[in-house]
Amino acid sequence: MLMRLSHDLGLYLYDVVVARFDVWAAFGVLAQFVFGARFLVQWIASEKAERSVIPVGFWFLSISGGLMTLVYGFARHDLVIILGQLFSIFIYIRNLMLIAKEARARAAGALDASESDPAAGTAAG
């Protein structure tokens, strides 16, 4: 029984990895690598900060990998992939919008502070 399972598993893997491998499969694998790279970026940023952080690069890799996976889903006519990525991409974009909004608010706050205190914009000397 174990020999049969081993043989069947080998045939299955050959079919998936070799026999059915085409340009779209290569694109799909690349999409998964791009999408997965976001966790590497997040991990490195967190290690540098010595706390858990999600850098902006995480969201750009999420969008890039998500769009690539969405294209792959359309090419393969796979509704599960299409629906999963279609909705996720909006969440990634929304996070970038919130980050940009926060950055504008911080910049406006810094500008307001320097206007109310003229010495804040000059170097102490």
C-alpha atoms as a PDB file:
ATOM      1  CA  MET A   1       0.000   0.000   0.000  1.00  0.00           C
ATOM      2  CA  LEU A   2       2.840   2.398   0.855  1.00  0.00           C
ATOM      3  CA  MET A   3       4.559   1.555  -2.427  1.00  0.00           C
ATOM      4  CA  ARG A   4       1.362   2.313  -4.343  1.00  0.00           C
ATOM      5  CA  LEU A   5       0.946   5.648  -2.533  1.00  0.00           C
ATOM      6  CA  SER A   6       4.544   6.557  -3.276  1.00  0.00           C
ATOM      7  CA  HIS A   7       4.087   5.680  -6.953  1.00  0.00           C
ATOM      8  CA  ASP A   8       0.814   7.636  -7.223  1.00  0.00           C
ATOM      9  CA  LEU A   9       2.338  10.657  -5.505  1.00  0.00           C
ATOM     10  CA  GLY A  10       5.264  10.575  -7.920  1.00  0.00           C
ATOM     11  CA  LEU A  11       2.891  10.463 -10.904  1.00  0.00           C
ATOM     12  CA  TYR A  12       0.845  13.324  -9.490  1.00  0.00           C
ATOM     13  CA  LEU A  13       3.907  15.508  -8.896  1.00  0.00           C
ATOM     14  CA  TYR A  14       5.234  14.743 -12.384  1.00  0.00           C
ATOM     15  CA  ASP A  15       1.869  15.720 -13.864  1.00  0.00           C
ATOM     16  CA  VAL A  16       1.685  19.006 -11.923  1.00  0.00           C
ATOM     17  CA  VAL A  17       5.332  20.087 -12.072  1.00  0.00           C
ATOM     18  CA  VAL A  18       6.450  18.774 -15.480  1.00  0.00           C
ATOM     19  CA  ALA A  19       3.623  17.701 -17.782  1.00  0.00           C
ATOM     20  CA  ARG A  20       1.312  20.651 -17.138  1.00  0.00           C
ATOM     21  CA  PHE A  21       3.976  23.305 -16.597  1.00  0.00           C
ATOM     22  CA  ASP A  22       3.628  26.118 -19.112  1.00  0.00           C
ATOM     23  CA  VAL A  23       4.183  29.873 -19.358  1.00  0.00           C
ATOM     24  CA  TRP A  24       1.136  30.609 -17.202  1.00  0.00           C
ATOM     25  CA  ALA A  25       2.294  28.192 -14.525  1.00  0.00           C
ATOM     26  CA  ALA A  26       5.690  29.936 -14.498  1.00  0.00           C
ATOM     27  CA  PHE A  27       3.927  33.310 -14.228  1.00  0.00           C
ATOM     28  CA  GLY A  28       1.790  31.989 -11.368  1.00  0.00           C
ATOM     29  CA  VAL A  29       4.856  30.752  -9.493  1.00  0.00           C
ATOM     30  CA  LEU A  30       6.537  34.143  -9.997  1.00  0.00           C
ATOM     31  CA  ALA A  31       3.370  35.863  -8.732  1.00  0.00           C
ATOM     32  CA  GLN A  32       3.473  33.749  -5.590  1.00  0.00           C
ATOM     33  CA  PHE A  33       7.136  34.632  -5.020  1.00  0.00           C
ATOM     34  CA  VAL A  34       6.377  38.362  -5.361  1.00  0.00           C
ATOM     35  CA  PHE A  35       3.379  38.023  -3.057  1.00  0.00           C
ATOM     36  CA  GLY A  36       5.394  35.999  -0.535  1.00  0.00           C
ATOM     37  CA  ALA A  37       8.290  38.479  -0.596  1.00  0.00           C
ATOM     38  CA  ARG A  38       6.110  40.919   1.318  1.00  0.00           C
ATOM     39  CA  PHE A  39       6.520  38.818   4.450  1.00  0.00           C
ATOM     40  CA  LEU A  40      10.297  38.881   4.074  1.00  0.00           C
ATOM     41  CA  VAL A  41      10.180  42.690   3.769  1.00  0.00           C
ATOM     42  CA  GLN A  42       7.938  42.909   6.852  1.00  0.00           C
ATOM     43  CA  TRP A  43      10.167  40.587   8.862  1.00  0.00           C
ATOM     44  CA  ILE A  44      13.350  42.532   8.014  1.00  0.00           C
ATOM     45  CA  ALA A  45      11.693  45.866   8.868  1.00  0.00           C
ATOM     46  CA  SER A  46      10.443  44.478  12.170  1.00  0.00           C
ATOM     47  CA  GLU A  47      13.872  43.115  13.076  1.00  0.00           C
ATOM     48  CA  LYS A  48      15.469  46.498  12.332  1.00  0.00           C
ATOM     49  CA  ALA A  49      12.862  48.347  14.413  1.00  0.00           C
ATOM     50  CA  GLU A  50      12.921  45.652  17.116  1.00  0.00           C
ATOM     51  CA  ARG A  51       9.099  45.702  17.089  1.00  0.00           C
ATOM     52  CA  SER A  52       6.393  44.564  14.710  1.00  0.00           C
ATOM     53  CA  VAL A  53       5.981  47.013  11.823  1.00  0.00           C
ATOM     54  CA  ILE A  54       4.407  46.887   8.387  1.00  0.00           C
ATOM     55  CA  PRO A  55       6.467  48.975   5.948  1.00  0.00           C
ATOM     56  CA  VAL A  56       4.983  50.634   2.852  1.00  0.00           C
ATOM     57  CA  GLY A  57       6.915  48.148   0.694  1.00  0.00           C
ATOM     58  CA  PHE A  58       4.751  45.387   2.161  1.00  0.00           C
ATOM     59  CA  TRP A  59       1.651  46.992   0.640  1.00  0.00           C
ATOM     60  CA  PHE A  60       3.301  47.576  -2.751  1.00  0.00           C
ATOM     61  CA  LEU A  61       4.394  43.928  -2.899  1.00  0.00           C
ATOM     62  CA  SER A  62       0.879  42.914  -1.834  1.00  0.00           C
ATOM     63  CA  ILE A  63      -0.627  44.895  -4.709  1.00  0.00           C
ATOM     64  CA  SER A  64       1.956  43.681  -7.249  1.00  0.00           C
ATOM     65  CA  GLY A  65       1.698  40.039  -6.236  1.00  0.00           C
ATOM     66  CA  GLY A  66      -2.084  40.275  -5.935  1.00  0.00           C
ATOM     67  CA  LEU A  67      -2.460  41.764  -9.415  1.00  0.00           C
ATOM     68  CA  MET A  68      -0.142  39.144 -10.886  1.00  0.00           C
ATOM     69  CA  THR A  69      -2.095  36.376  -9.161  1.00  0.00           C
ATOM     70  CA  LEU A  70      -5.351  37.943 -10.391  1.00  0.00           C
ATOM     71  CA  VAL A  71      -4.061  37.887 -13.981  1.00  0.00           C
ATOM     72  CA  TYR A  72      -3.059  34.255 -13.458  1.00  0.00           C
ATOM     73  CA  GLY A  73      -6.559  33.488 -12.143  1.00  0.00           C
ATOM     74  CA  PHE A  74      -8.149  35.056 -15.213  1.00  0.00           C
ATOM     75  CA  ALA A  75      -5.795  33.140 -17.517  1.00  0.00           C
ATOM     76  CA  ARG A  76      -6.646  29.869 -15.768  1.00  0.00           C
ATOM     77  CA  HIS A  77     -10.369  30.701 -15.462  1.00  0.00           C
ATOM     78  CA  ASP A  78     -10.157  30.086 -11.705  1.00  0.00           C
ATOM     79  CA  LEU A  79     -13.010  31.802  -9.870  1.00  0.00           C
ATOM     80  CA  VAL A  80     -11.535  31.092  -6.416  1.00  0.00           C
ATOM     81  CA  ILE A  81      -8.310  32.942  -7.229  1.00  0.00           C
ATOM     82  CA  ILE A  82     -10.128  35.759  -9.031  1.00  0.00           C
ATOM     83  CA  LEU A  83     -12.517  36.482  -6.156  1.00  0.00           C
ATOM     84  CA  GLY A  84      -9.842  36.152  -3.489  1.00  0.00           C
ATOM     85  CA  GLN A  85      -7.429  38.542  -5.152  1.00  0.00           C
ATOM     86  CA  LEU A  86     -10.000  40.989  -6.499  1.00  0.00           C
ATOM     87  CA  PHE A  87     -11.258  41.939  -3.044  1.00  0.00           C
ATOM     88  CA  SER A  88      -7.842  41.779  -1.364  1.00  0.00           C
ATOM     89  CA  ILE A  89      -6.317  44.298  -3.769  1.00  0.00           C
ATOM     90  CA  PHE A  90      -8.824  46.936  -2.644  1.00  0.00           C
ATOM     91  CA  ILE A  91      -7.740  46.401   0.975  1.00  0.00           C
ATOM     92  CA  TYR A  92      -4.073  46.830   0.038  1.00  0.00           C
ATOM     93  CA  ILE A  93      -4.821  50.027  -1.898  1.00  0.00           C
ATOM     94  CA  ARG A  94      -6.924  51.369   0.968  1.00  0.00           C
ATOM     95  CA  ASN A  95      -4.027  50.825   3.378  1.00  0.00           C
ATOM     96  CA  LEU A  96      -1.750  52.875   1.116  1.00  0.00           C
ATOM     97  CA  MET A  97      -4.422  55.594   0.992  1.00  0.00           C
ATOM     98  CA  LEU A  98      -4.556  55.669   4.802  1.00  0.00           C
ATOM     99  CA  ILE A  99      -0.743  55.825   5.020  1.00  0.00           C
ATOM    100  CA  ALA A 100      -0.683  58.749   2.553  1.00  0.00           C
ATOM    101  CA  LYS A 101      -3.444  60.531   4.487  1.00  0.00           C
ATOM    102  CA  GLU A 102      -1.493  60.143   7.733  1.00  0.00           C
ATOM    103  CA  ALA A 103       1.693  61.427   6.079  1.00  0.00           C
ATOM    104  CA  ARG A 104      -0.148  64.509   4.768  1.00  0.00           C
ATOM    105  CA  ALA A 105      -1.606  65.162   8.221  1.00  0.00           C
ATOM    106  CA  ARG A 106       1.835  64.861   9.816  1.00  0.00           C
ATOM    107  CA  ALA A 107       3.343  67.193   7.211  1.00  0.00           C
ATOM    108  CA  ALA A 108       0.559  69.728   7.765  1.00  0.00           C
ATOM    109  CA  GLY A 109       1.063  69.465  11.538  1.00  0.00           C
ATOM    110  CA  ALA A 110       4.790  70.044  11.174  1.00  0.00           C
ATOM    111  CA  LEU A 111       4.128  72.983   8.871  1.00  0.00           C
ATOM    112  CA  ASP A 112       1.641  74.484  11.351  1.00  0.00           C
ATOM    113  CA  ALA A 113       4.134  74.075  14.204  1.00  0.00           C
ATOM    114  CA  SER A 114       6.929  75.812  12.290  1.00  0.00           C
ATOM    115  CA  GLU A 115       4.605  78.701  11.322  1.00  0.00           C
ATOM    116  CA  SER A 116       3.507  79.300  14.918  1.00  0.00           C
ATOM    117  CA  ASP A 117       7.086  79.118  16.248  1.00  0.00           C
ATOM    118  CA  PRO A 118       9.542  80.856  13.884  1.00  0.00           C
ATOM    119  CA  ALA A 119      12.520  79.504  15.871  1.00  0.00           C
ATOM    120  CA  ALA A 120      11.363  75.913  15.221  1.00  0.00           C
ATOM    121  CA  GLY A 121      12.429  76.153  11.604  1.00  0.00           C
ATOM    122  CA  THR A 122      15.944  77.438  12.323  1.00  0.00           C
ATOM    123  CA  ALA A 123      18.969  75.656  13.693  1.00  0.00           C
ATOM    124  CA  ALA A 124      20.098  76.514  17.186  1.00  0.00           C
ATOM    125  CA  GLY A 125      23.400  78.260  17.127  1.00  0.00           C
END
